[in-house]
């Protein structure tokens, strides 16, 4: 196994992880920003006001995008398993 195939596998792994984790992270980010703006406008400094909506948003994103995330990770796993014969023969 050469350096180029190792780098290619790592690139594929990072792409799969970023693609799979993007939906819940973006949902949490958007809800956190909206909650922070709401807290700033209303001068409410309650920590749970930002925390609980973020948890709910991430859970909803996991429910909605769970099958997409699983398919991305499944595709990556099948790609790695398909490369095993090439790695062994190298």
PDB file of N, CA and C in Angstrom:
ATOM      1  N   UNK A   1       0.855  -1.176   0.000  1.00  0.00           N
ATOM      2  CA  UNK A   1       0.000   0.000   0.000  1.00  0.00           C
ATOM      3  C   UNK A   1       0.893   1.229   0.000  1.00  0.00           C
ATOM      4  N   UNK A   2       0.749   2.041  -1.030  1.00  0.00           N
ATOM      5  CA  UNK A   2       1.590   3.210  -1.177  1.00  0.00           C
ATOM      6  C   UNK A   2       1.033   4.422  -0.466  1.00  0.00           C
ATOM      7  N   UNK A   3       1.825   5.466  -0.543  1.00  0.00           N
ATOM      8  CA  UNK A   3       1.417   6.707   0.096  1.00  0.00           C
ATOM      9  C   UNK A   3       0.175   7.306  -0.556  1.00  0.00           C
ATOM     10  N   UNK A   4       0.091   7.171  -1.879  1.00  0.00           N
ATOM     11  CA  UNK A   4      -1.048   7.782  -2.574  1.00  0.00           C
ATOM     12  C   UNK A   4      -2.360   7.092  -2.207  1.00  0.00           C
ATOM     13  N   UNK A   5      -2.350   5.769  -2.044  1.00  0.00           N
ATOM     14  CA  UNK A   5      -3.590   5.089  -1.668  1.00  0.00           C
ATOM     15  C   UNK A   5      -3.951   5.374  -0.208  1.00  0.00           C
ATOM     16  N   UNK A   6      -2.965   5.528   0.635  1.00  0.00           N
ATOM     17  CA  UNK A   6      -3.231   5.890   2.028  1.00  0.00           C
ATOM     18  C   UNK A   6      -3.860   7.277   2.108  1.00  0.00           C
ATOM     19  N   UNK A   7      -3.310   8.202   1.354  1.00  0.00           N
ATOM     20  CA  UNK A   7      -3.852   9.561   1.331  1.00  0.00           C
ATOM     21  C   UNK A   7      -5.262   9.556   0.744  1.00  0.00           C
ATOM     22  N   UNK A   8      -5.486   8.728  -0.282  1.00  0.00           N
ATOM     23  CA  UNK A   8      -6.806   8.639  -0.895  1.00  0.00           C
ATOM     24  C   UNK A   8      -7.830   8.068   0.084  1.00  0.00           C
ATOM     25  N   UNK A   9      -7.444   7.061   0.848  1.00  0.00           N
ATOM     26  CA  UNK A   9      -8.343   6.488   1.856  1.00  0.00           C
ATOM     27  C   UNK A   9      -8.657   7.511   2.941  1.00  0.00           C
ATOM     28  N   UNK A  10      -7.655   8.233   3.393  1.00  0.00           N
ATOM     29  CA  UNK A  10      -7.880   9.255   4.430  1.00  0.00           C
ATOM     30  C   UNK A  10      -8.771  10.383   3.903  1.00  0.00           C
ATOM     31  N   UNK A  11      -8.562  10.762   2.640  1.00  0.00           N
ATOM     32  CA  UNK A  11      -9.412  11.799   2.043  1.00  0.00           C
ATOM     33  C   UNK A  11     -10.858  11.319   1.971  1.00  0.00           C
ATOM     34  N   UNK A  12     -11.050  10.070   1.566  1.00  0.00           N
ATOM     35  CA  UNK A  12     -12.409   9.513   1.504  1.00  0.00           C
ATOM     36  C   UNK A  12     -13.042   9.450   2.891  1.00  0.00           C
ATOM     37  N   UNK A  13     -12.243   9.083   3.891  1.00  0.00           N
ATOM     38  CA  UNK A  13     -12.762   9.001   5.261  1.00  0.00           C
ATOM     39  C   UNK A  13     -13.182  10.377   5.770  1.00  0.00           C
ATOM     40  N   UNK A  14     -12.347  11.374   5.556  1.00  0.00           N
ATOM     41  CA  UNK A  14     -12.683  12.725   6.015  1.00  0.00           C
ATOM     42  C   UNK A  14     -13.912  13.276   5.284  1.00  0.00           C
ATOM     43  N   UNK A  15     -14.004  13.005   3.985  1.00  0.00           N
ATOM     44  CA  UNK A  15     -15.167  13.456   3.222  1.00  0.00           C
ATOM     45  C   UNK A  15     -16.436  12.791   3.731  1.00  0.00           C
ATOM     46  N   UNK A  16     -16.370  11.492   4.004  1.00  0.00           N
ATOM     47  CA  UNK A  16     -17.544  10.768   4.501  1.00  0.00           C
ATOM     48  C   UNK A  16     -17.971  11.292   5.869  1.00  0.00           C
ATOM     49  N   UNK A  17     -17.004  11.531   6.744  1.00  0.00           N
ATOM     50  CA  UNK A  17     -17.329  12.017   8.089  1.00  0.00           C
ATOM     51  C   UNK A  17     -17.925  13.426   8.027  1.00  0.00           C
ATOM     52  N   UNK A  18     -17.339  14.292   7.208  1.00  0.00           N
ATOM     53  CA  UNK A  18     -17.871  15.651   7.107  1.00  0.00           C
ATOM     54  C   UNK A  18     -19.261  15.664   6.478  1.00  0.00           C
ATOM     55  N   UNK A  19     -19.477  14.830   5.462  1.00  0.00           N
ATOM     56  CA  UNK A  19     -20.784  14.767   4.816  1.00  0.00           C
ATOM     57  C   UNK A  19     -21.838  14.206   5.762  1.00  0.00           C
ATOM     58  N   UNK A  20     -21.467  13.181   6.525  1.00  0.00           N
ATOM     59  CA  UNK A  20     -22.432  12.554   7.429  1.00  0.00           C
ATOM     60  C   UNK A  20     -22.743  13.438   8.637  1.00  0.00           C
ATOM     61  N   UNK A  21     -21.782  14.193   9.107  1.00  0.00           N
ATOM     62  CA  UNK A  21     -22.014  14.991  10.313  1.00  0.00           C
ATOM     63  C   UNK A  21     -22.542  16.397  10.030  1.00  0.00           C
ATOM     64  N   UNK A  22     -22.572  16.805   8.776  1.00  0.00           N
ATOM     65  CA  UNK A  22     -22.989  18.174   8.446  1.00  0.00           C
ATOM     66  C   UNK A  22     -24.436  18.499   8.828  1.00  0.00           C
ATOM     67  N   UNK A  23     -25.427  17.651   8.522  1.00  0.00           N
ATOM     68  CA  UNK A  23     -26.812  18.067   8.825  1.00  0.00           C
ATOM     69  C   UNK A  23     -27.088  18.384  10.296  1.00  0.00           C
ATOM     70  N   UNK A  24     -26.707  17.521  11.261  1.00  0.00           N
ATOM     71  CA  UNK A  24     -26.994  17.911  12.646  1.00  0.00           C
ATOM     72  C   UNK A  24     -26.158  19.102  13.122  1.00  0.00           C
ATOM     73  N   UNK A  25     -24.928  19.209  12.632  1.00  0.00           N
ATOM     74  CA  UNK A  25     -24.098  20.345  13.041  1.00  0.00           C
ATOM     75  C   UNK A  25     -24.650  21.654  12.514  1.00  0.00           C
ATOM     76  N   UNK A  26     -25.102  21.661  11.269  1.00  0.00           N
ATOM     77  CA  UNK A  26     -25.674  22.888  10.692  1.00  0.00           C
ATOM     78  C   UNK A  26     -26.980  23.250  11.395  1.00  0.00           C
ATOM     79  N   UNK A  27     -27.800  22.246  11.701  1.00  0.00           N
ATOM     80  CA  UNK A  27     -29.061  22.523  12.418  1.00  0.00           C
ATOM     81  C   UNK A  27     -28.775  23.122  13.786  1.00  0.00           C
ATOM     82  N   UNK A  28     -27.826  22.565  14.519  1.00  0.00           N
ATOM     83  CA  UNK A  28     -27.466  23.106  15.827  1.00  0.00           C
ATOM     84  C   UNK A  28     -26.890  24.506  15.735  1.00  0.00           C
ATOM     85  N   UNK A  29     -26.100  24.748  14.700  1.00  0.00           N
ATOM     86  CA  UNK A  29     -25.508  26.070  14.506  1.00  0.00           C
ATOM     87  C   UNK A  29     -26.579  27.120  14.226  1.00  0.00           C
ATOM     88  N   UNK A  30     -27.485  26.804  13.326  1.00  0.00           N
ATOM     89  CA  UNK A  30     -28.537  27.763  12.960  1.00  0.00           C
ATOM     90  C   UNK A  30     -29.441  28.064  14.156  1.00  0.00           C
ATOM     91  N   UNK A  31     -29.857  27.019  14.862  1.00  0.00           N
ATOM     92  CA  UNK A  31     -30.722  27.235  16.022  1.00  0.00           C
ATOM     93  C   UNK A  31     -29.972  27.990  17.123  1.00  0.00           C
ATOM     94  N   UNK A  32     -28.701  27.693  17.305  1.00  0.00           N
ATOM     95  CA  UNK A  32     -27.909  28.418  18.306  1.00  0.00           C
ATOM     96  C   UNK A  32     -27.776  29.893  17.984  1.00  0.00           C
ATOM     97  N   UNK A  33     -27.568  30.213  16.719  1.00  0.00           N
ATOM     98  CA  UNK A  33     -27.459  31.622  16.322  1.00  0.00           C
ATOM     99  C   UNK A  33     -28.792  32.341  16.515  1.00  0.00           C
ATOM    100  N   UNK A  34     -29.880  31.690  16.115  1.00  0.00           N
ATOM    101  CA  UNK A  34     -31.209  32.301  16.283  1.00  0.00           C
ATOM    102  C   UNK A  34     -31.511  32.503  17.771  1.00  0.00           C
ATOM    103  N   UNK A  35     -31.196  31.521  18.595  1.00  0.00           N
ATOM    104  CA  UNK A  35     -31.444  31.654  20.038  1.00  0.00           C
ATOM    105  C   UNK A  35     -30.572  32.752  20.639  1.00  0.00           C
ATOM    106  N   UNK A  36     -29.329  32.870  20.180  1.00  0.00           N
ATOM    107  CA  UNK A  36     -28.451  33.934  20.692  1.00  0.00           C
ATOM    108  C   UNK A  36     -28.960  35.306  20.296  1.00  0.00           C
ATOM    109  N   UNK A  37     -29.440  35.435  19.070  1.00  0.00           N
ATOM    110  CA  UNK A  37     -30.004  36.722  18.641  1.00  0.00           C
ATOM    111  C   UNK A  37     -31.250  37.048  19.461  1.00  0.00           C
ATOM    112  N   UNK A  38     -32.096  36.025  19.696  1.00  0.00           N
ATOM    113  CA  UNK A  38     -33.290  36.246  20.520  1.00  0.00           C
ATOM    114  C   UNK A  38     -32.913  36.669  21.932  1.00  0.00           C
ATOM    115  N   UNK A  39     -31.886  36.030  22.514  1.00  0.00           N
ATOM    116  CA  UNK A  39     -31.447  36.398  23.857  1.00  0.00           C
ATOM    117  C   UNK A  39     -30.885  37.816  23.891  1.00  0.00           C
ATOM    118  N   UNK A  40     -30.178  38.201  22.856  1.00  0.00           N
ATOM    119  CA  UNK A  40     -29.603  39.543  22.809  1.00  0.00           C
ATOM    120  C   UNK A  40     -30.697  40.600  22.681  1.00  0.00           C
ATOM    121  N   UNK A  41     -31.665  40.332  21.837  1.00  0.00           N
ATOM    122  CA  UNK A  41     -32.738  41.310  21.616  1.00  0.00           C
ATOM    123  C   UNK A  41     -33.600  41.472  22.861  1.00  0.00           C
ATOM    124  N   UNK A  42     -33.887  40.364  23.536  1.00  0.00           N
ATOM    125  CA  UNK A  42     -34.772  40.439  24.699  1.00  0.00           C
ATOM    126  C   UNK A  42     -34.029  40.606  26.022  1.00  0.00           C
ATOM    127  N   UNK A  43     -32.727  40.598  26.005  1.00  0.00           N
ATOM    128  CA  UNK A  43     -31.881  40.717  27.200  1.00  0.00           C
ATOM    129  C   UNK A  43     -32.141  39.610  28.218  1.00  0.00           C
ATOM    130  N   UNK A  44     -32.523  38.432  27.730  1.00  0.00           N
ATOM    131  CA  UNK A  44     -32.704  37.265  28.601  1.00  0.00           C
ATOM    132  C   UNK A  44     -31.387  36.494  28.605  1.00  0.00           C
ATOM    133  N   UNK A  45     -30.863  36.234  29.780  1.00  0.00           N
ATOM    134  CA  UNK A  45     -29.584  35.526  29.888  1.00  0.00           C
ATOM    135  C   UNK A  45     -29.774  34.144  30.512  1.00  0.00           C
ATOM    136  N   UNK A  46     -30.692  33.380  29.999  1.00  0.00           N
ATOM    137  CA  UNK A  46     -30.975  32.037  30.504  1.00  0.00           C
ATOM    138  C   UNK A  46     -30.221  31.021  29.635  1.00  0.00           C
ATOM    139  N   UNK A  47     -29.313  30.250  30.220  1.00  0.00           N
ATOM    140  CA  UNK A  47     -28.516  29.303  29.419  1.00  0.00           C
ATOM    141  C   UNK A  47     -29.343  28.196  28.772  1.00  0.00           C
ATOM    142  N   UNK A  48     -30.406  27.767  29.439  1.00  0.00           N
ATOM    143  CA  UNK A  48     -31.213  26.691  28.868  1.00  0.00           C
ATOM    144  C   UNK A  48     -32.012  27.155  27.661  1.00  0.00           C
ATOM    145  N   UNK A  49     -32.180  28.450  27.498  1.00  0.00           N
ATOM    146  CA  UNK A  49     -32.908  28.978  26.350  1.00  0.00           C
ATOM    147  C   UNK A  49     -32.172  28.674  25.051  1.00  0.00           C
ATOM    148  N   UNK A  50     -30.868  28.593  25.084  1.00  0.00           N
ATOM    149  CA  UNK A  50     -30.097  28.254  23.884  1.00  0.00           C
ATOM    150  C   UNK A  50     -29.810  26.761  23.818  1.00  0.00           C
ATOM    151  N   UNK A  51     -29.692  26.107  24.957  1.00  0.00           N
ATOM    152  CA  UNK A  51     -29.265  24.712  24.994  1.00  0.00           C
ATOM    153  C   UNK A  51     -30.360  23.746  24.567  1.00  0.00           C
ATOM    154  N   UNK A  52     -31.536  23.886  25.101  1.00  0.00           N
ATOM    155  CA  UNK A  52     -32.628  22.941  24.825  1.00  0.00           C
ATOM    156  C   UNK A  52     -33.086  23.001  23.362  1.00  0.00           C
ATOM    157  N   UNK A  53     -33.260  24.168  22.766  1.00  0.00           N
ATOM    158  CA  UNK A  53     -33.621  24.174  21.339  1.00  0.00           C
ATOM    159  C   UNK A  53     -32.550  23.542  20.447  1.00  0.00           C
ATOM    160  N   UNK A  54     -31.268  23.709  20.810  1.00  0.00           N
ATOM    161  CA  UNK A  54     -30.208  23.073  20.017  1.00  0.00           C
ATOM    162  C   UNK A  54     -30.298  21.562  20.094  1.00  0.00           C
ATOM    163  N   UNK A  55     -30.570  21.025  21.273  1.00  0.00           N
ATOM    164  CA  UNK A  55     -30.714  19.570  21.423  1.00  0.00           C
ATOM    165  C   UNK A  55     -31.887  19.077  20.582  1.00  0.00           C
ATOM    166  N   UNK A  56     -32.982  19.791  20.632  1.00  0.00           N
ATOM    167  CA  UNK A  56     -34.157  19.390  19.851  1.00  0.00           C
ATOM    168  C   UNK A  56     -33.863  19.457  18.354  1.00  0.00           C
ATOM    169  N   UNK A  57     -33.184  20.511  17.914  1.00  0.00           N
ATOM    170  CA  UNK A  57     -32.862  20.656  16.495  1.00  0.00           C
ATOM    171  C   UNK A  57     -31.941  19.545  16.008  1.00  0.00           C
ATOM    172  N   UNK A  58     -30.946  19.189  16.828  1.00  0.00           N
ATOM    173  CA  UNK A  58     -30.032  18.112  16.442  1.00  0.00           C
ATOM    174  C   UNK A  58     -30.772  16.787  16.387  1.00  0.00           C
ATOM    175  N   UNK A  59     -31.661  16.529  17.335  1.00  0.00           N
ATOM    176  CA  UNK A  59     -32.432  15.283  17.310  1.00  0.00           C
ATOM    177  C   UNK A  59     -33.343  15.227  16.089  1.00  0.00           C
ATOM    178  N   UNK A  60     -33.988  16.320  15.753  1.00  0.00           N
ATOM    179  CA  UNK A  60     -34.847  16.351  14.572  1.00  0.00           C
ATOM    180  C   UNK A  60     -34.020  16.137  13.307  1.00  0.00           C
ATOM    181  N   UNK A  61     -32.842  16.762  13.251  1.00  0.00           N
ATOM    182  CA  UNK A  61     -31.962  16.571  12.091  1.00  0.00           C
ATOM    183  C   UNK A  61     -31.506  15.120  11.987  1.00  0.00           C
ATOM    184  N   UNK A  62     -31.225  14.483  13.124  1.00  0.00           N
ATOM    185  CA  UNK A  62     -30.844  13.070  13.095  1.00  0.00           C
ATOM    186  C   UNK A  62     -31.989  12.192  12.609  1.00  0.00           C
ATOM    187  N   UNK A  63     -33.203  12.524  13.001  1.00  0.00           N
ATOM    188  CA  UNK A  63     -34.360  11.751  12.550  1.00  0.00           C
ATOM    189  C   UNK A  63     -34.584  11.948  11.050  1.00  0.00           C
ATOM    190  N   UNK A  64     -34.489  13.184  10.595  1.00  0.00           N
ATOM    191  CA  UNK A  64     -34.755  13.476   9.185  1.00  0.00           C
ATOM    192  C   UNK A  64     -33.629  12.960   8.287  1.00  0.00           C
ATOM    193  N   UNK A  65     -32.378  13.225   8.666  1.00  0.00           N
ATOM    194  CA  UNK A  65     -31.242  12.900   7.810  1.00  0.00           C
ATOM    195  C   UNK A  65     -30.528  11.615   8.205  1.00  0.00           C
ATOM    196  N   UNK A  66     -31.106  10.833   9.105  1.00  0.00           N
ATOM    197  CA  UNK A  66     -30.451   9.611   9.565  1.00  0.00           C
ATOM    198  C   UNK A  66     -30.190   8.613   8.457  1.00  0.00           C
ATOM    199  N   UNK A  67     -31.148   8.436   7.566  1.00  0.00           N
ATOM    200  CA  UNK A  67     -30.948   7.477   6.477  1.00  0.00           C
ATOM    201  C   UNK A  67     -29.885   7.967   5.506  1.00  0.00           C
ATOM    202  N   UNK A  68     -29.838   9.277   5.264  1.00  0.00           N
ATOM    203  CA  UNK A  68     -28.788   9.835   4.409  1.00  0.00           C
ATOM    204  C   UNK A  68     -27.408   9.628   5.029  1.00  0.00           C
ATOM    205  N   UNK A  69     -27.306   9.882   6.326  1.00  0.00           N
ATOM    206  CA  UNK A  69     -26.031   9.719   7.012  1.00  0.00           C
ATOM    207  C   UNK A  69     -25.589   8.254   6.994  1.00  0.00           C
ATOM    208  N   UNK A  70     -26.535   7.344   7.208  1.00  0.00           N
ATOM    209  CA  UNK A  70     -26.211   5.920   7.184  1.00  0.00           C
ATOM    210  C   UNK A  70     -25.778   5.474   5.797  1.00  0.00           C
ATOM    211  N   UNK A  71     -26.413   6.006   4.762  1.00  0.00           N
ATOM    212  CA  UNK A  71     -26.027   5.610   3.405  1.00  0.00           C
ATOM    213  C   UNK A  71     -24.642   6.121   3.041  1.00  0.00           C
ATOM    214  N   UNK A  72     -24.286   7.316   3.502  1.00  0.00           N
ATOM    215  CA  UNK A  72     -22.935   7.843   3.251  1.00  0.00           C
ATOM    216  C   UNK A  72     -21.896   6.957   3.921  1.00  0.00           C
ATOM    217  N   UNK A  73     -22.149   6.587   5.170  1.00  0.00           N
ATOM    218  CA  UNK A  73     -21.191   5.738   5.887  1.00  0.00           C
ATOM    219  C   UNK A  73     -21.163   4.326   5.316  1.00  0.00           C
ATOM    220  N   UNK A  74     -22.307   3.827   4.868  1.00  0.00           N
ATOM    221  CA  UNK A  74     -22.342   2.500   4.251  1.00  0.00           C
ATOM    222  C   UNK A  74     -21.562   2.502   2.933  1.00  0.00           C
ATOM    223  N   UNK A  75     -21.725   3.541   2.143  1.00  0.00           N
ATOM    224  CA  UNK A  75     -20.996   3.653   0.879  1.00  0.00           C
ATOM    225  C   UNK A  75     -19.489   3.686   1.122  1.00  0.00           C
ATOM    226  N   UNK A  76     -19.056   4.442   2.132  1.00  0.00           N
ATOM    227  CA  UNK A  76     -17.636   4.502   2.458  1.00  0.00           C
ATOM    228  C   UNK A  76     -17.120   3.139   2.911  1.00  0.00           C
ATOM    229  N   UNK A  77     -17.894   2.449   3.739  1.00  0.00           N
ATOM    230  CA  UNK A  77     -17.483   1.132   4.226  1.00  0.00           C
ATOM    231  C   UNK A  77     -17.364   0.140   3.081  1.00  0.00           C
ATOM    232  N   UNK A  78     -18.322   0.145   2.167  1.00  0.00           N
ATOM    233  CA  UNK A  78     -18.245  -0.754   1.020  1.00  0.00           C
ATOM    234  C   UNK A  78     -17.052  -0.421   0.127  1.00  0.00           C
ATOM    235  N   UNK A  79     -16.742   0.860  -0.006  1.00  0.00           N
ATOM    236  CA  UNK A  79     -15.573   1.267  -0.786  1.00  0.00           C
ATOM    237  C   UNK A  79     -14.279   0.743  -0.155  1.00  0.00           C
ATOM    238  N   UNK A  80     -14.180   0.847   1.158  1.00  0.00           N
ATOM    239  CA  UNK A  80     -12.980   0.360   1.853  1.00  0.00           C
ATOM    240  C   UNK A  80     -12.878  -1.159   1.744  1.00  0.00           C
ATOM    241  N   UNK A  81     -13.999  -1.866   1.942  1.00  0.00           N
ATOM    242  CA  UNK A  81     -13.971  -3.324   1.811  1.00  0.00           C
ATOM    243  C   UNK A  81     -13.638  -3.743   0.386  1.00  0.00           C
ATOM    244  N   UNK A  82     -14.052  -2.968  -0.608  1.00  0.00           N
ATOM    245  CA  UNK A  82     -13.713  -3.263  -1.993  1.00  0.00           C
ATOM    246  C   UNK A  82     -12.240  -3.070  -2.294  1.00  0.00           C
ATOM    247  N   UNK A  83     -11.570  -2.230  -1.516  1.00  0.00           N
ATOM    248  CA  UNK A  83     -10.137  -1.979  -1.719  1.00  0.00           C
ATOM    249  C   UNK A  83      -9.241  -2.999  -1.021  1.00  0.00           C
ATOM    250  N   UNK A  84      -9.796  -3.837  -0.174  1.00  0.00           N
ATOM    251  CA  UNK A  84      -8.969  -4.780   0.593  1.00  0.00           C
ATOM    252  C   UNK A  84      -8.136  -5.681  -0.316  1.00  0.00           C
ATOM    253  N   UNK A  85      -8.698  -6.267  -1.391  1.00  0.00           N
ATOM    254  CA  UNK A  85      -7.848  -7.113  -2.243  1.00  0.00           C
ATOM    255  C   UNK A  85      -6.663  -6.352  -2.870  1.00  0.00           C
ATOM    256  N   UNK A  86      -6.900  -5.100  -3.246  1.00  0.00           N
ATOM    257  CA  UNK A  86      -5.805  -4.298  -3.802  1.00  0.00           C
ATOM    258  C   UNK A  86      -4.739  -3.998  -2.751  1.00  0.00           C
ATOM    259  N   UNK A  87      -5.168  -3.792  -1.531  1.00  0.00           N
ATOM    260  CA  UNK A  87      -4.211  -3.501  -0.454  1.00  0.00           C
ATOM    261  C   UNK A  87      -3.388  -4.739  -0.137  1.00  0.00           C
ATOM    262  N   UNK A  88      -4.033  -5.895  -0.121  1.00  0.00           N
ATOM    263  CA  UNK A  88      -3.326  -7.138   0.194  1.00  0.00           C
ATOM    264  C   UNK A  88      -2.334  -7.501  -0.903  1.00  0.00           C
ATOM    265  N   UNK A  89      -2.712  -7.268  -2.160  1.00  0.00           N
ATOM    266  CA  UNK A  89      -1.842  -7.629  -3.286  1.00  0.00           C
ATOM    267  C   UNK A  89      -0.702  -6.656  -3.482  1.00  0.00           C
ATOM    268  N   UNK A  90      -0.771  -5.501  -2.851  1.00  0.00           N
ATOM    269  CA  UNK A  90       0.288  -4.503  -3.035  1.00  0.00           C
ATOM    270  C   UNK A  90       1.531  -4.837  -2.255  1.00  0.00           C
TER     271      UNK A  90
END
